[in-house]
Amino acid sequence: YIETTKPLVIVTGPGPGSGKLATCLSQLYHDNKRGIKSGYAKFETFPIWNIPLKHPVNVAYEAATADLKDLNIIDPFHLETYGKTAVNYNRDVEIFPVLKRILERVSSGESIYKSPTDMGVNRAGFGIIDDEVVREAAKQEIIRRYFWYKADYAKGIADKDAYTRVEVLMEGFKLVPEDRRVVIPAREVRNGKPGIGKDNKCGAAIELKNGVIATGKRSVLMNATSSVILNAIKIVSGIPDNIHLLSPNVIESIQGLKKDILNEKNIRLNLEETMIALGISATTNPTAQLALSSLKELYGCEMHSTHILSSTDESVLHKLGINVTCDPNFPSEDLYIG
């Protein structure tokens, strides 16, 4: 029991099954034993109860929880009590009779909630002012989830059901993976097309805020992720493509450290090492400094890689605020990608 003094207490947790509801019920029970009249409500974002069941936003929620096997359904308790249609999801609907009984036993009175929808505080639907924009964004989220689950399946950390469920959701809107604009340019870099070259094995593409798509490929100096980020900030900064941002001495020093001291086989610079090299180069190179200051312009951009990213590259991209997906291909025959 956690003694509280505030009239409103918010309980948060890292996702489903983290103990939020159990904590609240425990608090209600002990409050009641102490003569404190308290109640419970949940802040629910998805699914949105007052938009259609098959609206892309609600379907995107199903895609986001495909690994949990959540399904959006019409709340039967809400329909029976109020004669109104409301969208909820299977886990809340299934457990509602049990939860309602617990609340009544804990509070020694009839529950004020007649349906699981009643328990949720959800105003998200009223915030939609441009439905077409929201629909398109939701469809893109469904495609992103498809790529994430398929990559996780290739890495052995998700089952096949997750991405096949998202495939079914995509079919409902006639979506294909290539509807994500950065997918085809990234694959063209990898597979080769006139003017790009062949047999690069790894490619990446990022869509900038003005709609321009920058690409990058793996080289002897750096991986494809590093390459595409450098090319992107060149475009944003207006720096000509033939201008080098990283000092050759810095690159040589890092590669020498990896090869001669750390005994690493892969001496290409990953994204974290590339960002460090850019930061060092910026101390003596005004052009590198300009590029470095443009990194914040990549926040919210969309990126796709033709290979599964290392945890290091994923972490840096996350910190930059870039929405990244990847094809379920390993960058080499060495399956360790940590």
Protein backbone atom coordinates (compact mmCIF):
# COMPACT_ATOMS: atom_id res chain seq x y z
CA TYR A 1 0.00 0.00 0.00
CA ILE A 2 1.29 3.44 -0.95
CA GLU A 3 0.00 6.26 1.20
CA THR A 4 -1.06 9.23 -0.91
CA THR A 5 -2.02 12.83 -0.15
CA LYS A 6 -2.98 14.16 -3.58
CA PRO A 7 -6.58 14.02 -4.84
CA LEU A 8 -5.43 12.56 -8.18
CA VAL A 9 -2.78 9.86 -8.45
CA ILE A 10 -1.46 8.70 -11.84
CA VAL A 11 -0.05 5.19 -12.13
CA THR A 12 2.17 4.50 -15.15
CA GLY A 13 4.06 1.45 -16.34
CA PRO A 14 6.20 0.21 -19.26
CA GLY A 15 3.51 -1.41 -21.38
CA PRO A 16 1.00 -4.25 -20.89
CA GLY A 17 1.35 -6.66 -18.00
CA SER A 18 3.44 -4.21 -15.97
CA GLY A 19 1.10 -4.16 -12.96
CA LYS A 20 -0.75 -0.86 -13.37
CA LEU A 21 -4.22 -2.31 -12.81
CA ALA A 22 -3.08 -4.54 -9.95
CA THR A 23 -1.52 -1.53 -8.23
CA CYS A 24 -4.71 0.49 -8.60
CA LEU A 25 -6.93 -2.31 -7.29
CA SER A 26 -4.63 -2.80 -4.31
CA GLN A 27 -4.81 0.91 -3.56
CA LEU A 28 -8.62 0.90 -3.80
CA TYR A 29 -8.84 -2.03 -1.41
CA HIS A 30 -6.56 -0.51 1.22
CA ASP A 31 -8.15 2.93 0.84
CA ASN A 32 -11.55 1.35 1.48
CA LYS A 33 -10.22 -0.44 4.57
CA ARG A 34 -9.04 2.94 5.87
CA GLY A 35 -12.34 4.65 5.16
CA ILE A 36 -11.01 6.57 2.16
CA LYS A 37 -13.45 6.75 -0.73
CA SER A 38 -11.45 6.41 -3.95
CA GLY A 39 -12.14 5.42 -7.52
CA TYR A 40 -10.35 4.17 -10.60
CA ALA A 41 -10.29 5.19 -14.26
CA LYS A 42 -7.81 4.50 -17.02
CA PHE A 43 -6.33 6.82 -19.60
CA GLU A 44 -6.84 4.97 -22.86
CA THR A 45 -5.44 6.19 -26.18
CA PHE A 46 -6.17 3.25 -28.48
CA PRO A 47 -8.41 1.94 -29.78
CA ILE A 48 -10.42 5.14 -30.16
CA TRP A 49 -13.94 4.32 -29.04
CA ASN A 50 -15.89 6.88 -31.10
CA ILE A 51 -14.45 6.31 -34.59
CA PRO A 52 -15.29 3.33 -36.84
CA LEU A 53 -14.03 -0.12 -35.92
CA LYS A 54 -12.12 -0.43 -39.21
CA HIS A 55 -10.80 3.13 -39.28
CA PRO A 56 -7.06 2.98 -40.17
CA VAL A 57 -6.13 4.47 -36.77
CA ASN A 58 -7.85 1.64 -34.91
CA VAL A 59 -6.42 -0.93 -37.32
CA ALA A 60 -2.96 0.58 -36.72
CA TYR A 61 -3.48 -0.17 -33.03
CA GLU A 62 -4.14 -3.81 -33.91
CA ALA A 63 -0.95 -3.81 -35.96
CA ALA A 64 1.00 -2.29 -33.07
CA THR A 65 -0.21 -5.02 -30.71
CA ALA A 66 -0.08 -7.94 -33.15
CA ASP A 67 2.40 -9.71 -30.87
CA LEU A 68 -0.14 -9.46 -28.03
CA LYS A 69 -2.92 -10.72 -30.32
CA ASP A 70 -5.18 -7.78 -29.45
CA LEU A 71 -8.36 -7.51 -31.51
CA ASN A 72 -10.63 -4.49 -31.80
CA ILE A 73 -14.29 -5.35 -31.22
CA ILE A 74 -17.58 -3.59 -30.55
CA ASP A 75 -18.10 -3.24 -26.79
CA PRO A 76 -21.17 -5.47 -26.14
CA PHE A 77 -21.70 -4.10 -22.61
CA HIS A 78 -21.81 -0.51 -23.88
CA LEU A 79 -24.18 -1.44 -26.69
CA GLU A 80 -26.52 -3.28 -24.32
CA THR A 81 -26.55 -0.54 -21.67
CA TYR A 82 -26.68 2.59 -23.82
CA GLY A 83 -27.71 1.33 -27.24
CA LYS A 84 -24.60 2.98 -28.69
CA THR A 85 -21.70 1.50 -30.63
CA ALA A 86 -18.26 1.90 -29.06
CA VAL A 87 -14.94 0.34 -30.03
CA ASN A 88 -12.86 -1.52 -27.46
CA TYR A 89 -10.48 -4.46 -27.54
CA ASN A 90 -10.79 -8.10 -26.61
CA ARG A 91 -8.75 -8.17 -23.39
CA ASP A 92 -10.70 -5.34 -21.75
CA VAL A 93 -14.05 -6.75 -22.83
CA GLU A 94 -13.22 -10.28 -21.67
CA ILE A 95 -12.06 -9.22 -18.21
CA PHE A 96 -14.72 -6.56 -17.59
CA PRO A 97 -17.23 -8.78 -15.69
CA VAL A 98 -14.45 -9.91 -13.35
CA LEU A 99 -13.08 -6.40 -12.90
CA LYS A 100 -16.54 -4.97 -12.26
CA ARG A 101 -17.15 -7.54 -9.55
CA ILE A 102 -13.78 -6.82 -7.93
CA LEU A 103 -14.51 -3.08 -7.89
CA GLU A 104 -17.88 -3.72 -6.28
CA ARG A 105 -16.37 -5.98 -3.63
CA VAL A 106 -13.55 -3.56 -2.90
CA SER A 107 -15.81 -0.50 -2.62
CA SER A 108 -18.75 -2.32 -0.99
CA GLY A 109 -21.15 -0.79 -3.49
CA GLU A 110 -22.40 -0.96 -7.05
CA SER A 111 -19.85 -0.09 -9.71
CA ILE A 112 -20.40 3.17 -11.56
CA TYR A 113 -19.07 1.51 -14.70
CA LYS A 114 -21.49 -0.30 -16.98
CA SER A 115 -18.97 -1.12 -19.71
CA PRO A 116 -15.20 -1.24 -20.24
CA THR A 117 -15.57 1.85 -22.44
CA ASP A 118 -16.99 3.70 -19.42
CA MET A 119 -13.74 3.10 -17.55
CA GLY A 120 -11.57 4.79 -20.15
CA VAL A 121 -10.78 8.48 -20.47
CA ASN A 122 -10.25 8.88 -24.21
CA ARG A 123 -10.66 12.16 -26.10
CA ALA A 124 -8.30 11.34 -28.97
CA GLY A 125 -11.11 11.02 -31.51
CA PHE A 126 -12.18 14.60 -30.90
CA GLY A 127 -8.66 15.77 -31.76
CA ILE A 128 -8.84 14.57 -35.37
CA ILE A 129 -9.28 17.69 -37.53
CA ASP A 130 -8.07 16.26 -40.86
CA ASP A 131 -9.27 12.70 -41.25
CA GLU A 132 -7.50 12.08 -44.58
CA VAL A 133 -4.11 13.01 -43.15
CA VAL A 134 -4.72 10.83 -40.10
CA ARG A 135 -5.83 7.90 -42.26
CA GLU A 136 -2.69 8.07 -44.41
CA ALA A 137 -0.43 8.35 -41.35
CA ALA A 138 -2.14 5.31 -39.81
CA LYS A 139 -1.65 3.27 -42.99
CA GLN A 140 2.04 4.12 -42.96
CA GLU A 141 2.23 3.00 -39.34
CA ILE A 142 0.70 -0.35 -40.31
CA ILE A 143 3.43 -0.83 -42.93
CA ARG A 144 6.14 0.15 -40.42
CA ARG A 145 4.83 -2.44 -37.98
CA TYR A 146 4.91 -5.07 -40.71
CA PHE A 147 8.61 -4.43 -41.32
CA TRP A 148 9.41 -4.38 -37.59
CA TYR A 149 7.71 -7.69 -36.90
CA LYS A 150 9.25 -9.35 -39.96
CA ALA A 151 12.74 -8.21 -38.92
CA ASP A 152 12.11 -9.42 -35.36
CA TYR A 153 11.02 -12.79 -36.74
CA ALA A 154 14.26 -13.04 -38.74
CA LYS A 155 16.19 -12.27 -35.55
CA GLY A 156 14.26 -14.94 -33.66
CA ILE A 157 12.61 -12.61 -31.14
CA ALA A 158 9.06 -12.70 -32.54
CA ASP A 159 6.84 -15.42 -33.93
CA LYS A 160 5.57 -15.62 -37.48
CA ASP A 161 1.97 -14.97 -36.44
CA ALA A 162 2.76 -11.33 -35.62
CA TYR A 163 3.80 -10.24 -39.10
CA THR A 164 1.30 -12.49 -40.89
CA ARG A 165 -1.48 -10.84 -38.87
CA VAL A 166 -0.24 -7.43 -40.00
CA GLU A 167 -0.13 -8.72 -43.59
CA VAL A 168 -3.85 -9.47 -43.32
CA LEU A 169 -4.50 -5.96 -41.98
CA MET A 170 -2.53 -4.49 -44.89
CA GLU A 171 -4.57 -6.50 -47.38
CA GLY A 172 -7.71 -4.93 -45.93
CA PHE A 173 -6.49 -1.53 -47.18
CA LYS A 174 -4.77 -2.95 -50.29
CA LEU A 175 -1.39 -1.89 -48.93
CA VAL A 176 1.96 -3.35 -49.98
CA PRO A 177 5.37 -2.81 -48.34
CA GLU A 178 6.46 -0.68 -51.30
CA ASP A 179 3.78 1.90 -50.42
CA ARG A 180 6.38 3.17 -47.98
CA ARG A 181 8.20 5.70 -50.19
CA VAL A 182 11.72 4.98 -48.97
CA VAL A 183 11.60 1.23 -49.61
CA ILE A 184 12.14 1.16 -53.38
CA PRO A 185 14.99 3.76 -53.42
CA ALA A 186 16.83 1.80 -50.71
CA ARG A 187 16.45 -1.46 -52.63
CA GLU A 188 17.60 0.19 -55.86
CA VAL A 189 20.82 1.22 -54.13
CA ARG A 190 21.32 -2.33 -52.93
CA ASN A 191 20.42 -4.09 -56.17
CA GLY A 192 21.96 -1.52 -58.48
CA LYS A 193 20.43 0.55 -61.25
CA PRO A 194 21.94 2.83 -63.91
CA GLY A 195 24.02 5.50 -62.21
CA ILE A 196 24.12 3.78 -58.83
CA GLY A 197 26.21 0.66 -59.29
CA LYS A 198 25.73 -2.98 -58.44
CA ASP A 199 26.45 -5.47 -55.71
CA ASN A 200 26.42 -2.95 -52.87
CA LYS A 201 24.64 -5.57 -50.73
CA CYS A 202 23.45 -2.94 -48.24
CA GLY A 203 21.57 0.25 -49.05
CA ALA A 204 19.44 2.80 -47.22
CA ALA A 205 17.15 5.71 -48.07
CA ILE A 206 15.67 8.56 -46.05
CA GLU A 207 12.86 10.92 -46.99
CA LEU A 208 13.51 14.50 -45.93
CA LYS A 209 10.81 16.91 -44.81
CA ASN A 210 10.65 18.53 -48.26
CA GLY A 211 10.00 15.15 -49.90
CA VAL A 212 13.52 14.72 -51.29
CA ILE A 213 14.90 11.20 -50.84
CA ALA A 214 18.57 10.74 -49.98
CA THR A 215 20.26 7.37 -50.38
CA GLY A 216 23.42 5.74 -49.12
CA LYS A 217 25.30 2.50 -49.61
CA ARG A 218 27.86 0.47 -47.73
CA SER A 219 31.51 1.19 -48.56
CA VAL A 220 34.92 0.23 -47.24
CA LEU A 221 34.79 3.29 -44.97
CA MET A 222 31.33 3.13 -43.42
CA ASN A 223 28.07 1.22 -43.37
CA ALA A 224 24.98 2.20 -45.35
CA THR A 225 23.27 3.82 -42.36
CA SER A 226 26.19 6.18 -41.82
CA SER A 227 26.36 6.95 -45.52
CA VAL A 228 22.69 7.87 -45.88
CA ILE A 229 22.74 10.13 -42.81
CA LEU A 230 25.79 12.03 -44.09
CA ASN A 231 24.21 12.38 -47.53
CA ALA A 232 20.96 13.57 -45.97
CA ILE A 233 22.55 16.34 -43.90
CA LYS A 234 24.55 17.42 -46.95
CA ILE A 235 21.27 17.96 -48.81
CA VAL A 236 19.67 19.74 -45.86
CA SER A 237 22.72 21.99 -45.46
CA GLY A 238 23.15 22.65 -49.18
CA ILE A 239 26.64 21.11 -49.18
CA PRO A 240 27.81 19.76 -52.57
CA ASP A 241 27.97 15.98 -52.79
CA ASN A 242 31.69 15.95 -53.63
CA ILE A 243 32.63 17.70 -50.38
CA HIS A 244 33.91 15.32 -47.68
CA LEU A 245 32.57 15.95 -44.18
CA LEU A 246 34.87 13.65 -42.24
CA SER A 247 38.58 14.18 -41.87
CA PRO A 248 40.51 11.28 -43.49
CA ASN A 249 42.85 11.32 -40.48
CA VAL A 250 39.93 10.80 -38.09
CA ILE A 251 38.52 7.92 -40.16
CA GLU A 252 41.95 6.30 -40.43
CA SER A 253 42.52 6.64 -36.70
CA ILE A 254 39.17 5.03 -35.78
CA GLN A 255 39.65 2.19 -38.26
CA GLY A 256 43.18 1.61 -36.97
CA LEU A 257 41.87 1.40 -33.42
CA LYS A 258 39.21 -1.12 -34.42
CA LYS A 259 41.62 -3.27 -36.43
CA ASP A 260 44.90 -3.13 -34.54
CA ILE A 261 43.81 -2.62 -30.94
CA LEU A 262 40.29 -4.04 -30.68
CA ASN A 263 40.96 -6.84 -33.21
CA GLU A 264 37.65 -6.29 -34.99
CA LYS A 265 37.09 -7.81 -38.42
CA ASN A 266 34.60 -5.18 -39.54
CA ILE A 267 36.37 -1.82 -39.46
CA ARG A 268 33.65 0.14 -41.28
CA LEU A 269 32.37 3.03 -39.21
CA ASN A 270 28.94 2.43 -37.73
CA LEU A 271 26.57 5.34 -37.19
CA GLU A 272 27.73 6.13 -33.66
CA GLU A 273 31.37 6.19 -34.73
CA THR A 274 30.47 8.32 -37.75
CA MET A 275 28.68 10.86 -35.55
CA ILE A 276 31.70 11.02 -33.24
CA ALA A 277 33.99 11.48 -36.25
CA LEU A 278 31.72 14.26 -37.53
CA GLY A 279 31.80 15.96 -34.14
CA ILE A 280 35.60 15.85 -34.07
CA SER A 281 35.88 17.07 -37.67
CA ALA A 282 33.52 19.96 -36.88
CA THR A 283 36.10 21.49 -34.52
CA THR A 284 38.36 22.40 -37.45
CA ASN A 285 36.02 22.18 -40.46
CA PRO A 286 33.23 24.81 -40.77
CA THR A 287 31.46 22.67 -43.39
CA ALA A 288 31.35 19.72 -40.99
CA GLN A 289 30.05 22.08 -38.30
CA LEU A 290 27.25 23.20 -40.63
CA ALA A 291 26.34 19.58 -41.35
CA LEU A 292 26.45 18.71 -37.66
CA SER A 293 24.01 21.50 -36.83
CA SER A 294 21.62 20.16 -39.49
CA LEU A 295 21.18 16.76 -37.81
CA LYS A 296 18.19 18.06 -35.86
CA GLU A 297 16.39 18.59 -39.19
CA LEU A 298 16.17 14.81 -39.60
CA TYR A 299 13.80 14.50 -36.64
CA GLY A 300 10.57 12.82 -37.76
CA CYS A 301 11.95 11.73 -41.14
CA GLU A 302 11.26 8.27 -42.60
CA MET A 303 14.09 5.86 -43.37
CA HIS A 304 14.42 2.33 -44.73
CA SER A 305 17.38 -0.03 -44.77
CA THR A 306 17.79 -3.13 -46.92
CA HIS A 307 19.42 -4.97 -44.03
CA ILE A 308 18.79 -5.54 -40.34
CA LEU A 309 20.40 -2.77 -38.32
CA SER A 310 22.76 -3.26 -35.42
CA SER A 311 21.50 -2.28 -31.99
CA THR A 312 24.02 0.59 -32.02
CA ASP A 313 22.70 2.07 -35.26
CA GLU A 314 19.10 1.58 -34.12
CA SER A 315 19.83 3.43 -30.89
CA VAL A 316 21.41 6.43 -32.64
CA LEU A 317 18.56 6.66 -35.17
CA HIS A 318 16.07 6.56 -32.31
CA LYS A 319 17.90 9.42 -30.58
CA LEU A 320 17.81 11.40 -33.83
CA GLY A 321 14.03 10.85 -33.96
CA ILE A 322 14.09 9.01 -37.29
CA ASN A 323 11.36 6.44 -38.04
CA VAL A 324 13.32 3.52 -39.46
CA THR A 325 12.31 0.18 -40.94
CA CYS A 326 14.37 -2.54 -42.56
CA ASP A 327 14.11 -5.59 -44.77
CA PRO A 328 14.65 -8.92 -42.95
CA ASN A 329 18.11 -9.45 -44.44
CA PHE A 330 21.32 -9.82 -42.48
CA PRO A 331 24.19 -7.57 -43.65
CA SER A 332 26.60 -10.50 -43.69
CA GLU A 333 26.79 -14.23 -43.06
CA ASP A 334 27.74 -13.44 -39.47
CA LEU A 335 24.33 -13.57 -37.81
CA TYR A 336 25.50 -11.68 -34.73
CA ILE A 337 24.37 -8.08 -35.23
CA GLY A 338 24.68 -6.66 -31.71
